[in-house]
Every structure is written in C-alpha cells, then in structure tokens.
C-alpha cells in the first residue's frame, strides 16, 4: 500500500527534475530556443524517420495544425526536413537534418553527463534506491501510455 501523497510527490519531484535539467542545460544550447513540444517532435522524428504530420500529431496527442505549425518552424530553423510522401505527394515525410540530429545528440549527451554527475554525488544507498525505482517508474509510464492509447 502506498502513502496517499505518493502520486503528488512523484509528479512534483519528476516535474521538478525535468525543469531543473532544462534550466541547467539551456545556457549551453546553440541555435534557437525550443519549446518542450518542439523537442518532443524532434525526438519522435529521430526515433521514427519519415513519420508524417498526422501520425506525429496522433503520437504526441496534439492537434494536426499545431504539429504542422511546429514543422514549419523547425524546418525554417534548419532542424527538420520535409519531403513529399511516397504514396501521396500531398502528404509529407519528416526527417531530421544533420543540424537537428546534432542538436538532439548534444542535448542527450549533456543531459546524461549532468544527471550522472549528480547521481554520483549521492551515497551508495540512494544510488541503489534510484536504480531499484527505475523498473517501477517504467511500468508507471507504460500504464499511463496504455491508458492514453486505449481509453
């Protein structure tokens, strides 16, 4: 049985960590400042090269016109490339540009180094507790994703 404040505590801590990591990494970012949804779109395109705008909108749970606007912005910034679809020339396939790939890679590497440095500052018991919590957090994320995908 979990304490009644566990859900709120988890959300608060996870959101805080995300916010602090972004804040710490932001000064080293070159190029245009991106909003969270734009980064999510870049990550999705990196993981699913050639994904279409409609499929990306569905995957990100965003309106198609919102994703289309982000695609236009990220294309203008040189981070995304849009090419005609294979079957329907009116549709678009999305691909990361070399600049977009480099930006995501740099962000991931810097994020991992930052978190690694702070995890290493913790004592062994805390590091083991974090490692033990990861599978449960993954199951929580999978459960939330499943509920969204199949309401």
N, C-alpha and C. Protein backbone atom coordinates (compact mmCIF):
# COMPACT_ATOMS: atom_id res chain seq x y z
N UNK A 1 0.85 -1.17 0.00
CA UNK A 1 0.00 0.00 0.00
C UNK A 1 0.90 1.24 0.00
N UNK A 2 0.54 2.22 -0.81
CA UNK A 2 1.37 3.42 -0.90
C UNK A 2 0.76 4.55 -0.08
N UNK A 3 1.62 5.46 0.37
CA UNK A 3 1.10 6.61 1.11
C UNK A 3 0.19 7.43 0.22
N UNK A 4 -0.82 8.10 0.79
CA UNK A 4 -1.78 8.85 -0.03
C UNK A 4 -1.14 10.00 -0.81
N UNK A 5 -0.02 10.52 -0.34
CA UNK A 5 0.60 11.64 -1.05
C UNK A 5 1.64 11.19 -2.09
N UNK A 6 1.80 9.87 -2.28
CA UNK A 6 2.79 9.37 -3.24
C UNK A 6 2.56 9.89 -4.65
N UNK A 7 1.35 9.83 -5.21
CA UNK A 7 1.17 10.34 -6.58
C UNK A 7 1.59 11.80 -6.73
N UNK A 8 1.17 12.65 -5.82
CA UNK A 8 1.53 14.07 -5.91
C UNK A 8 3.02 14.28 -5.71
N UNK A 9 3.61 13.53 -4.79
CA UNK A 9 5.06 13.64 -4.56
C UNK A 9 5.84 13.22 -5.80
N UNK A 10 5.43 12.12 -6.42
CA UNK A 10 6.11 11.66 -7.64
C UNK A 10 6.04 12.70 -8.75
N UNK A 11 4.84 13.20 -8.98
CA UNK A 11 4.65 14.20 -10.04
C UNK A 11 5.49 15.44 -9.77
N UNK A 12 5.46 15.90 -8.55
CA UNK A 12 6.20 17.11 -8.18
C UNK A 12 7.70 16.92 -8.37
N UNK A 13 8.23 15.81 -7.89
CA UNK A 13 9.67 15.57 -7.99
C UNK A 13 10.09 15.37 -9.44
N UNK A 14 9.34 14.56 -10.20
CA UNK A 14 9.71 14.31 -11.59
C UNK A 14 9.64 15.59 -12.42
N UNK A 15 8.60 16.38 -12.23
CA UNK A 15 8.48 17.65 -12.95
C UNK A 15 9.61 18.59 -12.56
N UNK A 16 9.92 18.63 -11.28
CA UNK A 16 11.00 19.49 -10.81
C UNK A 16 12.34 19.11 -11.40
N UNK A 17 12.61 17.81 -11.45
CA UNK A 17 13.88 17.35 -12.03
C UNK A 17 13.95 17.74 -13.50
N UNK A 18 12.88 17.50 -14.25
CA UNK A 18 12.86 17.87 -15.67
C UNK A 18 13.12 19.37 -15.86
N UNK A 19 12.44 20.17 -15.07
CA UNK A 19 12.58 21.62 -15.17
C UNK A 19 14.00 22.06 -14.84
N UNK A 20 14.57 21.50 -13.77
CA UNK A 20 15.92 21.86 -13.36
C UNK A 20 16.96 21.43 -14.39
N UNK A 21 16.80 20.26 -14.97
CA UNK A 21 17.72 19.80 -16.00
C UNK A 21 17.67 20.74 -17.20
N UNK A 22 16.45 21.07 -17.66
CA UNK A 22 16.32 22.01 -18.79
C UNK A 22 16.97 23.35 -18.46
N UNK A 23 16.74 23.85 -17.27
CA UNK A 23 17.28 25.15 -16.86
C UNK A 23 18.80 25.11 -16.82
N UNK A 24 19.36 24.02 -16.34
CA UNK A 24 20.82 23.91 -16.25
C UNK A 24 21.47 23.78 -17.63
N UNK A 25 20.78 23.12 -18.56
CA UNK A 25 21.36 22.88 -19.89
C UNK A 25 21.12 24.02 -20.87
N UNK A 26 20.10 24.81 -20.63
CA UNK A 26 19.71 25.86 -21.58
C UNK A 26 20.85 26.81 -21.96
N UNK A 27 21.68 27.28 -21.01
CA UNK A 27 22.73 28.23 -21.40
C UNK A 27 23.72 27.70 -22.43
N UNK A 28 23.93 26.39 -22.51
CA UNK A 28 24.88 25.83 -23.46
C UNK A 28 24.30 25.50 -24.82
N UNK A 29 23.01 25.75 -25.01
CA UNK A 29 22.36 25.40 -26.27
C UNK A 29 22.66 26.47 -27.31
N UNK A 30 23.09 26.01 -28.49
CA UNK A 30 23.28 26.93 -29.60
C UNK A 30 22.07 26.82 -30.52
N UNK A 31 21.76 27.86 -31.19
CA UNK A 31 20.61 27.86 -32.08
C UNK A 31 19.37 28.36 -31.37
N UNK A 32 18.24 28.28 -32.05
CA UNK A 32 17.00 28.82 -31.49
C UNK A 32 16.55 28.04 -30.26
N UNK A 33 15.94 28.74 -29.33
CA UNK A 33 15.39 28.11 -28.13
C UNK A 33 14.11 27.37 -28.52
N UNK A 34 14.00 26.13 -28.10
CA UNK A 34 12.87 25.30 -28.47
C UNK A 34 11.95 25.07 -27.28
N UNK A 35 10.66 25.03 -27.57
CA UNK A 35 9.67 24.68 -26.55
C UNK A 35 9.66 23.16 -26.37
N UNK A 36 9.08 22.72 -25.28
CA UNK A 36 9.04 21.30 -24.97
C UNK A 36 8.41 20.46 -26.07
N UNK A 37 7.28 20.94 -26.63
CA UNK A 37 6.60 20.19 -27.68
C UNK A 37 7.46 20.09 -28.94
N UNK A 38 8.25 21.12 -29.22
CA UNK A 38 9.13 21.07 -30.38
C UNK A 38 10.22 20.02 -30.18
N UNK A 39 10.76 19.95 -28.98
CA UNK A 39 11.77 18.93 -28.68
C UNK A 39 11.16 17.54 -28.77
N UNK A 40 9.94 17.39 -28.27
CA UNK A 40 9.26 16.09 -28.37
C UNK A 40 9.08 15.69 -29.82
N UNK A 41 8.73 16.64 -30.67
CA UNK A 41 8.56 16.35 -32.10
C UNK A 41 9.90 15.94 -32.72
N UNK A 42 10.97 16.66 -32.39
CA UNK A 42 12.29 16.28 -32.91
C UNK A 42 12.67 14.87 -32.45
N UNK A 43 12.44 14.57 -31.19
CA UNK A 43 12.75 13.23 -30.68
C UNK A 43 11.94 12.16 -31.42
N UNK A 44 10.67 12.44 -31.64
CA UNK A 44 9.80 11.49 -32.33
C UNK A 44 10.29 11.26 -33.76
N UNK A 45 10.63 12.33 -34.47
CA UNK A 45 11.11 12.20 -35.85
C UNK A 45 12.45 11.46 -35.86
N UNK A 46 13.29 11.72 -34.86
CA UNK A 46 14.56 10.99 -34.77
C UNK A 46 14.34 9.50 -34.56
N UNK A 47 13.34 9.15 -33.76
CA UNK A 47 13.04 7.75 -33.47
C UNK A 47 12.24 7.09 -34.59
N UNK A 48 11.52 7.90 -35.39
CA UNK A 48 10.65 7.38 -36.44
C UNK A 48 10.86 8.19 -37.72
N UNK A 49 12.04 8.07 -38.34
CA UNK A 49 12.30 8.86 -39.56
C UNK A 49 11.24 8.59 -40.62
N UNK A 50 10.76 9.65 -41.24
CA UNK A 50 9.77 9.53 -42.30
C UNK A 50 8.34 9.59 -41.80
N UNK A 51 8.15 9.76 -40.50
CA UNK A 51 6.79 9.85 -39.96
C UNK A 51 6.08 11.04 -40.59
N UNK A 52 4.79 10.92 -40.78
CA UNK A 52 4.01 12.01 -41.34
C UNK A 52 3.50 12.95 -40.26
N UNK A 53 3.01 14.09 -40.68
CA UNK A 53 2.50 15.09 -39.75
C UNK A 53 1.31 14.55 -38.96
N UNK A 54 0.38 13.89 -39.64
CA UNK A 54 -0.81 13.35 -38.96
C UNK A 54 -0.43 12.29 -37.94
N UNK A 55 0.46 11.39 -38.32
CA UNK A 55 0.90 10.34 -37.40
C UNK A 55 1.64 10.94 -36.21
N UNK A 56 2.44 11.97 -36.46
CA UNK A 56 3.17 12.64 -35.37
C UNK A 56 2.19 13.30 -34.42
N UNK A 57 1.17 13.95 -34.97
CA UNK A 57 0.16 14.60 -34.14
C UNK A 57 -0.54 13.57 -33.26
N UNK A 58 -0.88 12.44 -33.84
CA UNK A 58 -1.56 11.39 -33.08
C UNK A 58 -0.64 10.86 -31.98
N UNK A 59 0.60 10.61 -32.32
CA UNK A 59 1.57 10.06 -31.36
C UNK A 59 1.83 11.03 -30.20
N UNK A 60 1.84 12.33 -30.50
CA UNK A 60 2.11 13.34 -29.47
C UNK A 60 0.84 13.85 -28.79
N UNK A 61 -0.32 13.35 -29.24
CA UNK A 61 -1.61 13.79 -28.69
C UNK A 61 -1.79 15.30 -28.83
N UNK A 62 -1.48 15.79 -30.03
CA UNK A 62 -1.62 17.21 -30.35
C UNK A 62 -2.48 17.36 -31.61
N UNK A 63 -3.02 18.54 -31.78
CA UNK A 63 -3.81 18.83 -32.98
C UNK A 63 -2.88 18.87 -34.20
N UNK A 64 -3.39 18.39 -35.31
CA UNK A 64 -2.61 18.37 -36.55
C UNK A 64 -2.08 19.73 -36.94
N UNK A 65 -2.92 20.78 -36.78
CA UNK A 65 -2.45 22.11 -37.18
C UNK A 65 -1.34 22.61 -36.25
N UNK A 66 -1.34 22.18 -34.99
CA UNK A 66 -0.26 22.56 -34.06
C UNK A 66 1.05 21.91 -34.50
N UNK A 67 0.99 20.65 -34.86
CA UNK A 67 2.19 19.95 -35.32
C UNK A 67 2.67 20.54 -36.64
N UNK A 68 1.74 20.86 -37.52
CA UNK A 68 2.09 21.47 -38.80
C UNK A 68 2.82 22.80 -38.59
N UNK A 69 2.35 23.59 -37.64
CA UNK A 69 3.00 24.87 -37.32
C UNK A 69 4.41 24.62 -36.79
N UNK A 70 4.55 23.62 -35.90
CA UNK A 70 5.88 23.31 -35.37
C UNK A 70 6.81 22.82 -36.47
N UNK A 71 6.28 22.02 -37.39
CA UNK A 71 7.09 21.52 -38.51
C UNK A 71 7.60 22.71 -39.32
N UNK A 72 6.73 23.68 -39.60
CA UNK A 72 7.15 24.86 -40.35
C UNK A 72 8.26 25.62 -39.62
N UNK A 73 8.10 25.77 -38.29
CA UNK A 73 9.11 26.49 -37.50
C UNK A 73 10.44 25.74 -37.48
N UNK A 74 10.37 24.42 -37.24
CA UNK A 74 11.60 23.63 -37.15
C UNK A 74 12.28 23.48 -38.50
N UNK A 75 11.49 23.50 -39.57
CA UNK A 75 12.06 23.47 -40.91
C UNK A 75 12.77 24.79 -41.19
N UNK A 76 12.14 25.91 -40.84
CA UNK A 76 12.76 27.22 -41.03
C UNK A 76 14.04 27.36 -40.20
N UNK A 77 14.07 26.70 -39.04
CA UNK A 77 15.26 26.75 -38.18
C UNK A 77 16.35 25.77 -38.63
N UNK A 78 16.06 24.97 -39.66
CA UNK A 78 17.05 24.05 -40.19
C UNK A 78 17.20 22.75 -39.41
N UNK A 79 16.21 22.43 -38.57
CA UNK A 79 16.30 21.22 -37.74
C UNK A 79 15.52 20.04 -38.33
N UNK A 80 14.52 20.33 -39.14
CA UNK A 80 13.70 19.30 -39.78
C UNK A 80 13.73 19.49 -41.28
N UNK A 81 13.56 18.38 -41.98
CA UNK A 81 13.41 18.41 -43.44
C UNK A 81 12.09 17.72 -43.76
N UNK A 82 11.33 18.33 -44.64
CA UNK A 82 10.05 17.77 -45.05
C UNK A 82 10.17 17.38 -46.53
N UNK A 83 9.79 16.14 -46.82
CA UNK A 83 9.81 15.71 -48.22
C UNK A 83 8.46 15.09 -48.55
N UNK A 84 8.09 15.09 -49.83
CA UNK A 84 6.78 14.53 -50.22
C UNK A 84 6.68 13.05 -49.86
N UNK A 85 5.47 12.64 -49.51
CA UNK A 85 5.22 11.24 -49.18
C UNK A 85 5.37 10.36 -50.41
N UNK A 86 5.62 9.09 -50.18
CA UNK A 86 5.81 8.16 -51.30
C UNK A 86 4.50 7.90 -52.04
N UNK A 87 3.43 7.65 -51.30
CA UNK A 87 2.16 7.28 -51.92
C UNK A 87 1.32 8.48 -52.29
N UNK A 88 1.36 9.50 -51.47
CA UNK A 88 0.52 10.68 -51.68
C UNK A 88 1.42 11.91 -51.64
N UNK A 89 1.61 12.54 -52.76
CA UNK A 89 2.52 13.69 -52.86
C UNK A 89 2.06 14.88 -52.01
N UNK A 90 0.79 14.86 -51.57
CA UNK A 90 0.29 15.95 -50.72
C UNK A 90 0.73 15.76 -49.27
N UNK A 91 1.04 14.52 -48.91
CA UNK A 91 1.49 14.26 -47.54
C UNK A 91 2.99 14.55 -47.44
N UNK A 92 3.46 14.66 -46.23
CA UNK A 92 4.88 14.96 -46.01
C UNK A 92 5.50 13.93 -45.09
N UNK A 93 6.72 13.55 -45.42
CA UNK A 93 7.53 12.71 -44.55
C UNK A 93 8.52 13.63 -43.84
N UNK A 94 8.69 13.41 -42.55
CA UNK A 94 9.56 14.28 -41.75
C UNK A 94 10.87 13.56 -41.43
N UNK A 95 11.95 14.29 -41.59
CA UNK A 95 13.28 13.76 -41.30
C UNK A 95 14.09 14.82 -40.56
N UNK A 96 14.98 14.38 -39.68
CA UNK A 96 15.88 15.32 -39.04
C UNK A 96 16.95 15.73 -40.03
N UNK A 97 17.36 16.97 -39.96
CA UNK A 97 18.51 17.42 -40.73
C UNK A 97 19.76 17.04 -39.93
N UNK A 98 20.92 17.20 -40.52
CA UNK A 98 22.17 16.95 -39.79
C UNK A 98 22.24 17.86 -38.57
N UNK A 99 21.79 19.10 -38.73
CA UNK A 99 21.78 20.05 -37.61
C UNK A 99 20.82 19.59 -36.51
N UNK A 100 19.66 19.06 -36.90
CA UNK A 100 18.70 18.55 -35.93
C UNK A 100 19.23 17.34 -35.19
N UNK A 101 19.89 16.43 -35.91
CA UNK A 101 20.50 15.26 -35.28
C UNK A 101 21.58 15.68 -34.29
N UNK A 102 22.40 16.63 -34.70
CA UNK A 102 23.48 17.11 -33.82
C UNK A 102 22.91 17.77 -32.57
N UNK A 103 21.86 18.53 -32.74
CA UNK A 103 21.25 19.22 -31.59
C UNK A 103 20.70 18.21 -30.59
N UNK A 104 19.98 17.19 -31.07
CA UNK A 104 19.44 16.16 -30.17
C UNK A 104 20.57 15.37 -29.50
N UNK A 105 21.57 15.01 -30.26
CA UNK A 105 22.70 14.25 -29.71
C UNK A 105 23.41 15.06 -28.63
N UNK A 106 23.67 16.33 -28.90
CA UNK A 106 24.33 17.19 -27.93
C UNK A 106 23.50 17.31 -26.65
N UNK A 107 22.19 17.51 -26.81
CA UNK A 107 21.31 17.63 -25.65
C UNK A 107 21.33 16.35 -24.82
N UNK A 108 21.21 15.20 -25.48
CA UNK A 108 21.22 13.91 -24.76
C UNK A 108 22.52 13.71 -23.99
N UNK A 109 23.64 14.00 -24.67
CA UNK A 109 24.94 13.79 -24.04
C UNK A 109 25.13 14.72 -22.84
N UNK A 110 24.77 15.97 -22.99
CA UNK A 110 24.91 16.93 -21.89
C UNK A 110 23.96 16.60 -20.75
N UNK A 111 22.74 16.17 -21.09
CA UNK A 111 21.77 15.80 -20.07
C UNK A 111 22.27 14.59 -19.28
N UNK A 112 22.77 13.58 -19.97
CA UNK A 112 23.27 12.39 -19.30
C UNK A 112 24.46 12.73 -18.40
N UNK A 113 25.37 13.56 -18.88
CA UNK A 113 26.54 13.95 -18.08
C UNK A 113 26.11 14.71 -16.83
N UNK A 114 25.16 15.61 -16.97
CA UNK A 114 24.68 16.39 -15.82
C UNK A 114 24.06 15.48 -14.77
N UNK A 115 23.15 14.63 -15.19
CA UNK A 115 22.46 13.75 -14.23
C UNK A 115 23.45 12.75 -13.64
N UNK A 116 24.34 12.21 -14.47
CA UNK A 116 25.34 11.27 -13.97
C UNK A 116 26.18 11.92 -12.86
N UNK A 117 26.62 13.14 -13.07
CA UNK A 117 27.44 13.83 -12.08
C UNK A 117 26.69 13.99 -10.76
N UNK A 118 25.41 14.28 -10.84
CA UNK A 118 24.64 14.48 -9.60
C UNK A 118 24.29 13.15 -8.94
N UNK A 119 24.05 12.12 -9.72
CA UNK A 119 23.80 10.80 -9.15
C UNK A 119 25.05 10.31 -8.42
N UNK A 120 26.22 10.56 -9.00
CA UNK A 120 27.47 10.12 -8.38
C UNK A 120 27.73 10.82 -7.05
N UNK A 121 27.13 11.97 -6.82
CA UNK A 121 27.28 12.69 -5.55
C UNK A 121 26.46 12.05 -4.42
N UNK A 122 25.48 11.24 -4.80
CA UNK A 122 24.64 10.58 -3.80
C UNK A 122 25.40 9.44 -3.15
N UNK A 123 24.98 9.07 -1.94
CA UNK A 123 25.62 7.92 -1.32
C UNK A 123 25.11 6.64 -1.98
N UNK A 124 25.79 5.53 -1.70
CA UNK A 124 25.50 4.26 -2.35
C UNK A 124 24.05 3.81 -2.14
N UNK A 125 23.53 3.99 -0.94
CA UNK A 125 22.14 3.58 -0.66
C UNK A 125 21.16 4.34 -1.54
N UNK A 126 21.38 5.64 -1.71
CA UNK A 126 20.48 6.44 -2.55
C UNK A 126 20.60 6.05 -4.02
N UNK A 127 21.82 5.76 -4.48
CA UNK A 127 22.00 5.32 -5.88
C UNK A 127 21.30 3.99 -6.11
N UNK A 128 21.40 3.08 -5.14
CA UNK A 128 20.72 1.79 -5.28
C UNK A 128 19.20 1.96 -5.25
N UNK A 129 18.72 2.87 -4.40
CA UNK A 129 17.28 3.12 -4.34
C UNK A 129 16.77 3.68 -5.67
N UNK A 130 17.54 4.58 -6.28
CA UNK A 130 17.14 5.12 -7.59
C UNK A 130 17.14 4.02 -8.64
N UNK A 131 18.18 3.19 -8.65
CA UNK A 131 18.26 2.10 -9.63
C UNK A 131 17.10 1.13 -9.44
N UNK A 132 16.75 0.86 -8.20
CA UNK A 132 15.64 -0.06 -7.93
C UNK A 132 14.30 0.53 -8.33
N UNK A 133 14.19 1.84 -8.32
CA UNK A 133 12.92 2.50 -8.66
C UNK A 133 12.67 2.57 -10.16
N UNK A 134 13.72 2.49 -10.98
CA UNK A 134 13.57 2.65 -12.43
C UNK A 134 12.57 1.67 -13.04
N UNK A 135 12.63 0.37 -12.74
CA UNK A 135 11.63 -0.54 -13.34
C UNK A 135 10.19 -0.18 -12.97
N UNK A 136 9.97 0.22 -11.72
CA UNK A 136 8.61 0.60 -11.32
C UNK A 136 8.17 1.87 -12.03
N UNK A 137 9.08 2.82 -12.21
CA UNK A 137 8.73 4.05 -12.94
C UNK A 137 8.42 3.74 -14.40
N UNK A 138 9.17 2.81 -15.00
CA UNK A 138 8.87 2.39 -16.38
C UNK A 138 7.48 1.78 -16.47
N UNK A 139 7.14 0.94 -15.52
CA UNK A 139 5.80 0.33 -15.51
C UNK A 139 4.73 1.39 -15.37
N UNK A 140 4.97 2.40 -14.54
CA UNK A 140 4.03 3.51 -14.38
C UNK A 140 3.86 4.24 -15.71
N UNK A 141 4.98 4.53 -16.38
CA UNK A 141 4.92 5.21 -17.68
C UNK A 141 4.18 4.37 -18.71
N UNK A 142 4.47 3.07 -18.74
CA UNK A 142 3.77 2.18 -19.68
C UNK A 142 2.28 2.15 -19.41
N UNK A 143 1.89 2.12 -18.14
CA UNK A 143 0.48 2.11 -17.77
C UNK A 143 -0.22 3.39 -18.23
N UNK A 144 0.46 4.52 -18.03
CA UNK A 144 -0.12 5.80 -18.47
C UNK A 144 -0.24 5.84 -20.00
N UNK A 145 0.78 5.35 -20.69
CA UNK A 145 0.76 5.32 -22.15
C UNK A 145 -0.34 4.41 -22.66
N UNK A 146 -0.49 3.24 -22.07
CA UNK A 146 -1.52 2.29 -22.48
C UNK A 146 -2.90 2.89 -22.30
N UNK A 147 -3.12 3.59 -21.20
CA UNK A 147 -4.43 4.19 -20.94
C UNK A 147 -4.75 5.28 -21.96
N UNK A 148 -3.72 6.02 -22.37
CA UNK A 148 -3.92 7.08 -23.38
C UNK A 148 -4.18 6.45 -24.74
N UNK A 149 -3.44 5.38 -25.05
CA UNK A 149 -3.56 4.74 -26.36
C UNK A 149 -4.89 3.98 -26.49
N UNK A 150 -5.39 3.44 -25.39
CA UNK A 150 -6.62 2.64 -25.41
C UNK A 150 -7.53 3.07 -24.26
N UNK A 151 -8.18 4.23 -24.41
CA UNK A 151 -9.02 4.73 -23.30
C UNK A 151 -10.19 3.83 -22.97
